[in-house]
Protein backbone atom coordinates (compact mmCIF):
# COMPACT_ATOMS: atom_id res chain seq x y z
CA MET A 1 115.01 22.11 -48.75
CA LYS A 2 116.93 23.80 -45.99
CA LYS A 3 118.43 21.66 -43.27
CA LEU A 4 117.25 22.34 -39.72
CA ARG A 5 120.01 23.18 -37.28
CA PHE A 6 119.73 21.93 -33.77
CA PRO A 7 121.66 23.60 -30.97
CA GLY A 8 124.85 21.91 -29.91
CA PRO A 9 125.67 20.73 -26.43
CA ARG A 10 127.25 24.06 -25.48
CA GLN A 11 124.17 25.97 -26.52
CA LEU A 12 121.91 23.51 -24.69
CA TRP A 13 124.04 23.88 -21.55
CA ALA A 14 123.97 27.68 -21.81
CA ASP A 15 120.19 27.63 -22.26
CA CYS A 16 119.81 25.32 -19.27
CA CYS A 17 122.00 27.54 -17.08
CA GLU A 18 120.04 30.62 -18.16
CA ARG A 19 116.77 28.87 -17.33
CA VAL A 20 117.98 27.90 -13.84
CA ARG A 21 119.26 31.46 -13.25
CA HIS A 22 115.88 32.77 -14.41
CA LEU A 23 114.03 30.56 -11.93
CA ARG A 24 116.33 31.56 -9.06
CA LEU A 25 116.03 35.25 -9.81
CA ARG A 26 112.29 35.05 -10.30
CA GLY A 27 111.94 33.93 -6.68
CA SER A 28 113.52 37.24 -5.58
CA LEU A 29 111.24 39.39 -7.70
CA GLU A 30 108.90 40.34 -4.84
CA ALA A 31 111.79 41.33 -2.59
CA TYR A 32 113.16 43.43 -5.46
CA ALA A 33 109.79 45.15 -5.93
CA ASP A 34 109.69 45.97 -2.20
CA GLY A 35 113.24 47.36 -2.28
CA GLU A 36 114.52 44.73 0.14
CA LEU A 37 117.49 43.62 -2.00
CA THR A 38 120.83 45.36 -1.76
CA GLY A 39 124.20 45.22 -3.43
CA ALA A 40 125.15 42.60 -5.99
CA ARG A 41 121.85 40.70 -5.78
CA ARG A 42 119.88 43.86 -6.59
CA ALA A 43 122.16 44.68 -9.54
CA GLN A 44 121.94 41.09 -10.81
CA LEU A 45 118.14 41.12 -10.66
CA ALA A 46 117.93 44.57 -12.28
CA ALA A 47 120.04 43.33 -15.20
CA HIS A 48 117.86 40.23 -15.54
CA VAL A 49 114.62 42.23 -15.48
CA ALA A 50 116.04 44.54 -18.15
CA ARG A 51 116.51 41.65 -20.59
CA CYS A 52 113.71 39.23 -19.56
CA TRP A 53 110.28 40.32 -20.75
CA VAL A 54 108.50 37.70 -18.59
CA CYS A 55 110.08 38.96 -15.36
CA SER A 56 109.69 42.61 -16.31
CA GLY A 57 105.97 42.03 -16.95
CA SER A 58 105.60 40.21 -13.64
CA LEU A 59 107.46 42.99 -11.84
CA GLN A 60 105.23 45.65 -13.38
CA THR A 61 102.09 43.71 -12.42
CA LEU A 62 103.40 43.19 -8.90
CA ARG A 63 104.12 46.90 -8.52
CA LEU A 64 100.64 47.83 -9.78
CA VAL A 65 98.96 45.42 -7.37
CA LYS A 66 101.00 46.69 -4.43
CA ALA A 67 100.24 50.31 -5.33
CA SER A 68 96.53 49.58 -5.60
CA LEU A 69 96.55 47.83 -2.21
CA ARG A 70 98.29 50.79 -0.61
CA THR A 71 95.67 53.24 -1.89
CA SER A 72 92.56 51.14 -1.29
CA PRO A 73 90.49 51.74 1.85
CA ARG A 74 91.13 49.37 4.71
CA ARG A 75 88.33 46.87 5.09
CA HIS A 76 88.04 44.45 7.94
CA PRO A 77 86.36 41.14 7.20
CA GLN A 78 83.37 40.18 9.30
CA SER A 79 84.02 37.72 12.05
CA LEU A 80 83.02 34.14 11.43
CA GLY A 81 80.53 34.31 14.29
CA ALA A 82 78.79 37.35 12.80
CA VAL A 83 78.54 35.64 9.42
CA ARG A 84 77.05 32.52 10.98
CA ILE A 85 74.51 34.50 13.00
CA LEU A 86 73.39 36.47 9.93
CA ARG A 87 73.07 33.26 7.89
CA TYR A 88 71.05 31.61 10.68
CA ALA A 89 68.77 34.66 10.95
CA GLU A 90 68.15 34.60 7.19
CA GLN A 91 67.35 30.89 7.29
CA MET A 92 64.95 31.38 10.21
CA ALA A 93 63.25 34.26 8.43
CA ALA A 94 62.85 32.15 5.30
CA VAL A 95 61.32 29.26 7.31
CA HIS A 96 58.92 31.40 9.32
CA HIS A 97 58.01 33.79 6.54
CA PRO A 98 58.11 32.02 3.21
CA GLN A 99 57.94 34.23 0.20
CA GLY A 100 54.46 35.52 -0.40
CA ALA A 101 53.29 34.86 3.18
CA HIS A 102 52.22 37.78 5.29
CA ARG A 103 53.94 38.51 8.55
CA THR A 104 50.76 39.19 10.53
CA GLY A 105 49.44 35.68 10.01
CA ARG A 106 46.12 37.04 8.74
CA ARG A 107 44.83 37.00 5.22
CA PRO A 108 45.32 40.24 3.34
CA ARG A 109 42.36 42.61 3.38
CA ARG A 110 40.53 43.00 0.15
CA ARG A 111 40.55 46.34 -1.48
CA ARG A 112 37.26 48.06 -2.20
CA SER A 113 37.87 47.86 -5.92
CA ASP A 114 38.30 44.08 -5.56
CA GLU A 115 35.01 43.78 -3.60
CA ALA A 116 33.07 45.65 -6.28
CA THR A 117 34.25 43.36 -9.06
CA SER A 118 33.62 40.10 -7.18
C-alpha cells in the first residue's frame, strides 16, 4: 500500500497565502471587468484571472450580464402607489363582482332554445 503524503508547513503556508491573495483579488473583479483598474493592480489581476478558472468563469459571467443589461430596453418600475391602487381596485372588483355573478345585478335572460326544452 502506498503511503499518503501530506503537504509540509511550507506548502500549507504557500497555499494559505495563495488563498488570501485569491480572496483579495476576487473583490476587485468587478472593477477589472469595468476597466476601472490601472497599472500594477490591473496586471496582477489579469495574471490571476489567467491561471484561476474560478475567477475567469466569474469574470466571463459578469461581462455577459453587463453586456445583456446594456442592450436590454430600459424599463421603469411602477410606483408603489400605482401598484397599491391597482391591487385595491382588483380586490374591490372581486368583492363586488364575484366570479360567475353578473354585473347588471339581474338574472341572465334565458335563451329561446333553453325555454323550448324546459
